[in-house]
Amino acid sequence: MTKGHSARRPSAAPLPALRVERAEGSPLHHTQAGRIAVPLRLMRGAQRVEDLALVLTADQMEAFYEEIGAILYPRRVVGPAAEAAS
C-alpha cells in the first residue's frame, strides 16, 4: 500500500472501462522475428493509457482475417463448392 491511501475506504468513483482500439496512422508492420504487428491503443475513457501491438504469426493473422470476414460477411460461403463456382 502506498502512503496516503486508506485500505478502509475504497474510492467511490469507478474508473472508466479500459478499451483497446486500432492506433490510427500507425501501419501494420513486420517485427524483427518476422511476425505481423498490429498497432493498438489502450484507452481509459478519452485518455490514452498506452500504445501496444497485437503480434501474430502469418498463420494466426490468416485465421484472424478469416474470422473477421465471417463476421463482416456472415452469409458468404467459403469452401471447395464456392471456389469451384467462381
N, C-alpha and C. Protein backbone atom coordinates (compact mmCIF):
# COMPACT_ATOMS: atom_id res chain seq x y z
N MET A 1 0.85 -1.17 0.00
CA MET A 1 0.00 0.00 0.00
C MET A 1 0.90 1.23 0.00
N THR A 2 0.51 2.21 -0.79
CA THR A 2 1.30 3.43 -0.84
C THR A 2 0.83 4.41 0.21
N LYS A 3 1.70 5.30 0.57
CA LYS A 3 1.39 6.32 1.58
C LYS A 3 0.24 7.20 1.09
N GLY A 4 -0.71 7.46 1.94
CA GLY A 4 -1.82 8.33 1.62
C GLY A 4 -3.07 7.61 1.15
N HIS A 5 -3.00 6.30 0.95
CA HIS A 5 -4.17 5.53 0.55
C HIS A 5 -4.69 4.72 1.73
N SER A 6 -5.94 4.89 2.02
CA SER A 6 -6.54 4.16 3.13
C SER A 6 -7.09 2.83 2.63
N ALA A 7 -6.81 1.76 3.34
CA ALA A 7 -7.33 0.45 2.99
C ALA A 7 -8.79 0.31 3.41
N ARG A 8 -9.27 1.18 4.26
CA ARG A 8 -10.63 1.07 4.79
C ARG A 8 -11.68 1.64 3.85
N ARG A 9 -11.33 2.65 3.05
CA ARG A 9 -12.31 3.35 2.26
C ARG A 9 -11.96 3.30 0.76
N PRO A 10 -12.62 2.44 -0.01
CA PRO A 10 -12.33 2.43 -1.45
C PRO A 10 -12.89 3.69 -2.11
N SER A 11 -12.34 4.04 -3.23
CA SER A 11 -12.79 5.21 -3.97
C SER A 11 -14.25 5.03 -4.39
N ALA A 12 -15.04 6.07 -4.25
CA ALA A 12 -16.45 6.00 -4.60
C ALA A 12 -16.65 6.12 -6.11
N ALA A 13 -15.73 6.76 -6.82
CA ALA A 13 -15.88 6.97 -8.26
C ALA A 13 -15.23 5.82 -9.03
N PRO A 14 -16.03 5.06 -9.79
CA PRO A 14 -15.43 3.97 -10.56
C PRO A 14 -14.61 4.52 -11.73
N LEU A 15 -13.56 3.82 -12.07
CA LEU A 15 -12.74 4.23 -13.21
C LEU A 15 -13.45 3.84 -14.49
N PRO A 16 -13.33 4.64 -15.55
CA PRO A 16 -13.92 4.24 -16.82
C PRO A 16 -13.27 2.93 -17.30
N ALA A 17 -14.03 2.14 -18.01
CA ALA A 17 -13.53 0.86 -18.51
C ALA A 17 -12.39 1.07 -19.49
N LEU A 18 -11.49 0.10 -19.52
CA LEU A 18 -10.40 0.13 -20.50
C LEU A 18 -10.95 -0.31 -21.84
N ARG A 19 -10.39 0.26 -22.89
CA ARG A 19 -10.81 -0.06 -24.25
C ARG A 19 -9.55 -0.18 -25.11
N VAL A 20 -9.54 -1.14 -26.01
CA VAL A 20 -8.43 -1.30 -26.95
C VAL A 20 -8.96 -0.93 -28.32
N GLU A 21 -8.25 -0.05 -29.02
CA GLU A 21 -8.66 0.34 -30.36
C GLU A 21 -7.47 0.35 -31.29
N ARG A 22 -7.71 0.30 -32.56
CA ARG A 22 -6.66 0.34 -33.57
C ARG A 22 -6.01 1.72 -33.52
N ALA A 23 -4.70 1.76 -33.48
CA ALA A 23 -3.96 3.03 -33.46
C ALA A 23 -3.94 3.59 -34.88
N GLU A 24 -4.78 4.58 -35.12
CA GLU A 24 -4.86 5.19 -36.46
C GLU A 24 -3.55 5.87 -36.81
N GLY A 25 -3.20 5.78 -38.07
CA GLY A 25 -1.98 6.43 -38.53
C GLY A 25 -0.73 5.59 -38.32
N SER A 26 -0.87 4.43 -37.70
CA SER A 26 0.27 3.53 -37.49
C SER A 26 0.04 2.27 -38.31
N PRO A 27 0.82 2.06 -39.36
CA PRO A 27 0.59 0.91 -40.23
C PRO A 27 1.01 -0.41 -39.59
N LEU A 28 0.41 -1.48 -40.07
CA LEU A 28 0.87 -2.81 -39.69
C LEU A 28 2.32 -2.94 -40.15
N HIS A 29 3.09 -3.74 -39.43
CA HIS A 29 4.48 -3.90 -39.83
C HIS A 29 4.99 -5.27 -39.38
N HIS A 30 6.13 -5.65 -39.92
CA HIS A 30 6.76 -6.91 -39.51
C HIS A 30 7.70 -6.65 -38.33
N THR A 31 7.71 -7.57 -37.39
CA THR A 31 8.66 -7.50 -36.29
C THR A 31 10.00 -8.04 -36.78
N GLN A 32 11.02 -7.93 -35.96
CA GLN A 32 12.33 -8.48 -36.32
C GLN A 32 12.26 -9.99 -36.47
N ALA A 33 11.31 -10.63 -35.77
CA ALA A 33 11.16 -12.08 -35.86
C ALA A 33 10.29 -12.50 -37.04
N GLY A 34 9.81 -11.50 -37.83
CA GLY A 34 9.02 -11.83 -39.00
C GLY A 34 7.53 -11.97 -38.74
N ARG A 35 7.09 -11.67 -37.54
CA ARG A 35 5.67 -11.71 -37.24
C ARG A 35 5.02 -10.40 -37.69
N ILE A 36 3.69 -10.37 -37.65
CA ILE A 36 2.95 -9.18 -38.07
C ILE A 36 2.47 -8.46 -36.82
N ALA A 37 2.76 -7.17 -36.73
CA ALA A 37 2.36 -6.36 -35.57
C ALA A 37 1.24 -5.41 -35.98
N VAL A 38 0.14 -5.47 -35.23
CA VAL A 38 -1.00 -4.58 -35.44
C VAL A 38 -0.96 -3.53 -34.33
N PRO A 39 -0.65 -2.27 -34.64
CA PRO A 39 -0.57 -1.23 -33.62
C PRO A 39 -1.94 -0.97 -32.98
N LEU A 40 -1.98 -0.97 -31.66
CA LEU A 40 -3.20 -0.75 -30.90
C LEU A 40 -2.97 0.35 -29.88
N ARG A 41 -4.06 0.88 -29.37
CA ARG A 41 -4.00 1.92 -28.35
C ARG A 41 -4.92 1.50 -27.20
N LEU A 42 -4.40 1.51 -25.98
CA LEU A 42 -5.17 1.20 -24.79
C LEU A 42 -5.69 2.52 -24.23
N MET A 43 -7.02 2.62 -24.11
CA MET A 43 -7.67 3.86 -23.68
C MET A 43 -8.47 3.64 -22.40
N ARG A 44 -8.54 4.66 -21.58
CA ARG A 44 -9.43 4.68 -20.42
C ARG A 44 -10.25 5.95 -20.59
N GLY A 45 -11.52 5.78 -21.02
CA GLY A 45 -12.32 6.94 -21.37
C GLY A 45 -11.69 7.59 -22.59
N ALA A 46 -11.42 8.89 -22.52
CA ALA A 46 -10.80 9.61 -23.63
C ALA A 46 -9.28 9.72 -23.47
N GLN A 47 -8.73 9.13 -22.43
CA GLN A 47 -7.30 9.25 -22.14
C GLN A 47 -6.53 8.04 -22.64
N ARG A 48 -5.45 8.30 -23.38
CA ARG A 48 -4.58 7.22 -23.84
C ARG A 48 -3.77 6.72 -22.66
N VAL A 49 -3.82 5.41 -22.44
CA VAL A 49 -3.06 4.79 -21.37
C VAL A 49 -1.71 4.30 -21.89
N GLU A 50 -1.75 3.62 -23.05
CA GLU A 50 -0.52 3.06 -23.59
C GLU A 50 -0.73 2.65 -25.04
N ASP A 51 0.33 2.71 -25.83
CA ASP A 51 0.33 2.16 -27.18
C ASP A 51 0.99 0.79 -27.10
N LEU A 52 0.43 -0.16 -27.81
CA LEU A 52 0.95 -1.52 -27.80
C LEU A 52 0.66 -2.16 -29.14
N ALA A 53 1.01 -3.42 -29.31
CA ALA A 53 0.77 -4.09 -30.59
C ALA A 53 0.28 -5.51 -30.34
N LEU A 54 -0.62 -5.94 -31.20
CA LEU A 54 -1.03 -7.34 -31.27
C LEU A 54 -0.07 -7.99 -32.25
N VAL A 55 0.70 -8.97 -31.80
CA VAL A 55 1.71 -9.60 -32.64
C VAL A 55 1.26 -11.01 -32.96
N LEU A 56 1.17 -11.31 -34.27
CA LEU A 56 0.68 -12.59 -34.74
C LEU A 56 1.62 -13.19 -35.78
N THR A 57 1.66 -14.51 -35.83
CA THR A 57 2.37 -15.18 -36.92
C THR A 57 1.52 -15.04 -38.19
N ALA A 58 2.08 -15.37 -39.33
CA ALA A 58 1.33 -15.31 -40.58
C ALA A 58 0.11 -16.23 -40.52
N ASP A 59 0.26 -17.43 -39.97
CA ASP A 59 -0.87 -18.36 -39.85
C ASP A 59 -1.95 -17.80 -38.93
N GLN A 60 -1.54 -17.20 -37.82
CA GLN A 60 -2.52 -16.60 -36.90
C GLN A 60 -3.23 -15.43 -37.55
N MET A 61 -2.51 -14.61 -38.32
CA MET A 61 -3.11 -13.47 -38.99
C MET A 61 -4.10 -13.95 -40.04
N GLU A 62 -3.76 -15.01 -40.75
CA GLU A 62 -4.67 -15.54 -41.77
C GLU A 62 -5.96 -16.05 -41.12
N ALA A 63 -5.85 -16.75 -40.00
CA ALA A 63 -7.04 -17.23 -39.29
C ALA A 63 -7.87 -16.06 -38.76
N PHE A 64 -7.19 -15.03 -38.26
CA PHE A 64 -7.86 -13.83 -37.76
C PHE A 64 -8.62 -13.15 -38.90
N TYR A 65 -7.99 -13.04 -40.05
CA TYR A 65 -8.59 -12.44 -41.23
C TYR A 65 -9.86 -13.20 -41.63
N GLU A 66 -9.80 -14.53 -41.60
CA GLU A 66 -10.96 -15.35 -41.93
C GLU A 66 -12.09 -15.14 -40.92
N GLU A 67 -11.75 -15.03 -39.64
CA GLU A 67 -12.77 -14.79 -38.61
C GLU A 67 -13.44 -13.44 -38.81
N ILE A 68 -12.65 -12.42 -39.12
CA ILE A 68 -13.21 -11.09 -39.37
C ILE A 68 -14.13 -11.13 -40.58
N GLY A 69 -13.71 -11.82 -41.64
CA GLY A 69 -14.53 -11.96 -42.84
C GLY A 69 -15.86 -12.64 -42.53
N ALA A 70 -15.84 -13.65 -41.67
CA ALA A 70 -17.07 -14.36 -41.30
C ALA A 70 -18.02 -13.44 -40.54
N ILE A 71 -17.47 -12.51 -39.77
CA ILE A 71 -18.32 -11.56 -39.04
C ILE A 71 -18.87 -10.50 -39.99
N LEU A 72 -18.02 -10.00 -40.88
CA LEU A 72 -18.45 -8.96 -41.82
C LEU A 72 -19.41 -9.48 -42.88
N TYR A 73 -19.20 -10.70 -43.32
CA TYR A 73 -20.00 -11.30 -44.40
C TYR A 73 -20.52 -12.66 -43.95
N PRO A 74 -21.47 -12.70 -43.01
CA PRO A 74 -21.91 -13.97 -42.42
C PRO A 74 -22.58 -14.93 -43.40
N ARG A 75 -23.11 -14.44 -44.51
CA ARG A 75 -23.81 -15.33 -45.45
C ARG A 75 -22.90 -15.83 -46.55
N ARG A 76 -21.70 -15.31 -46.61
CA ARG A 76 -20.77 -15.74 -47.66
C ARG A 76 -20.29 -17.15 -47.35
N VAL A 77 -20.41 -18.05 -48.33
CA VAL A 77 -19.99 -19.44 -48.16
C VAL A 77 -18.60 -19.57 -48.75
N VAL A 78 -17.66 -20.05 -47.94
CA VAL A 78 -16.31 -20.28 -48.42
C VAL A 78 -16.01 -21.75 -48.28
N GLY A 79 -15.52 -22.34 -49.33
CA GLY A 79 -15.19 -23.75 -49.30
C GLY A 79 -15.00 -24.24 -50.73
N PRO A 80 -14.76 -25.54 -50.89
CA PRO A 80 -14.50 -26.08 -52.23
C PRO A 80 -15.64 -25.82 -53.20
N ALA A 81 -16.91 -25.93 -52.78
CA ALA A 81 -18.04 -25.72 -53.68
C ALA A 81 -18.09 -24.27 -54.13
N ALA A 82 -17.85 -23.32 -53.23
CA ALA A 82 -17.88 -21.90 -53.56
C ALA A 82 -16.73 -21.55 -54.49
N GLU A 83 -15.55 -22.15 -54.25
CA GLU A 83 -14.39 -21.84 -55.08
C GLU A 83 -14.58 -22.41 -56.49
N ALA A 84 -15.22 -23.58 -56.63
CA ALA A 84 -15.46 -24.19 -57.93
C ALA A 84 -16.45 -23.36 -58.75
N ALA A 85 -17.38 -22.70 -58.07
CA ALA A 85 -18.40 -21.89 -58.74
C ALA A 85 -17.83 -20.60 -59.29
N SER A 86 -16.69 -20.14 -58.77
CA SER A 86 -16.16 -18.85 -59.22
C SER A 86 -15.18 -18.99 -60.35
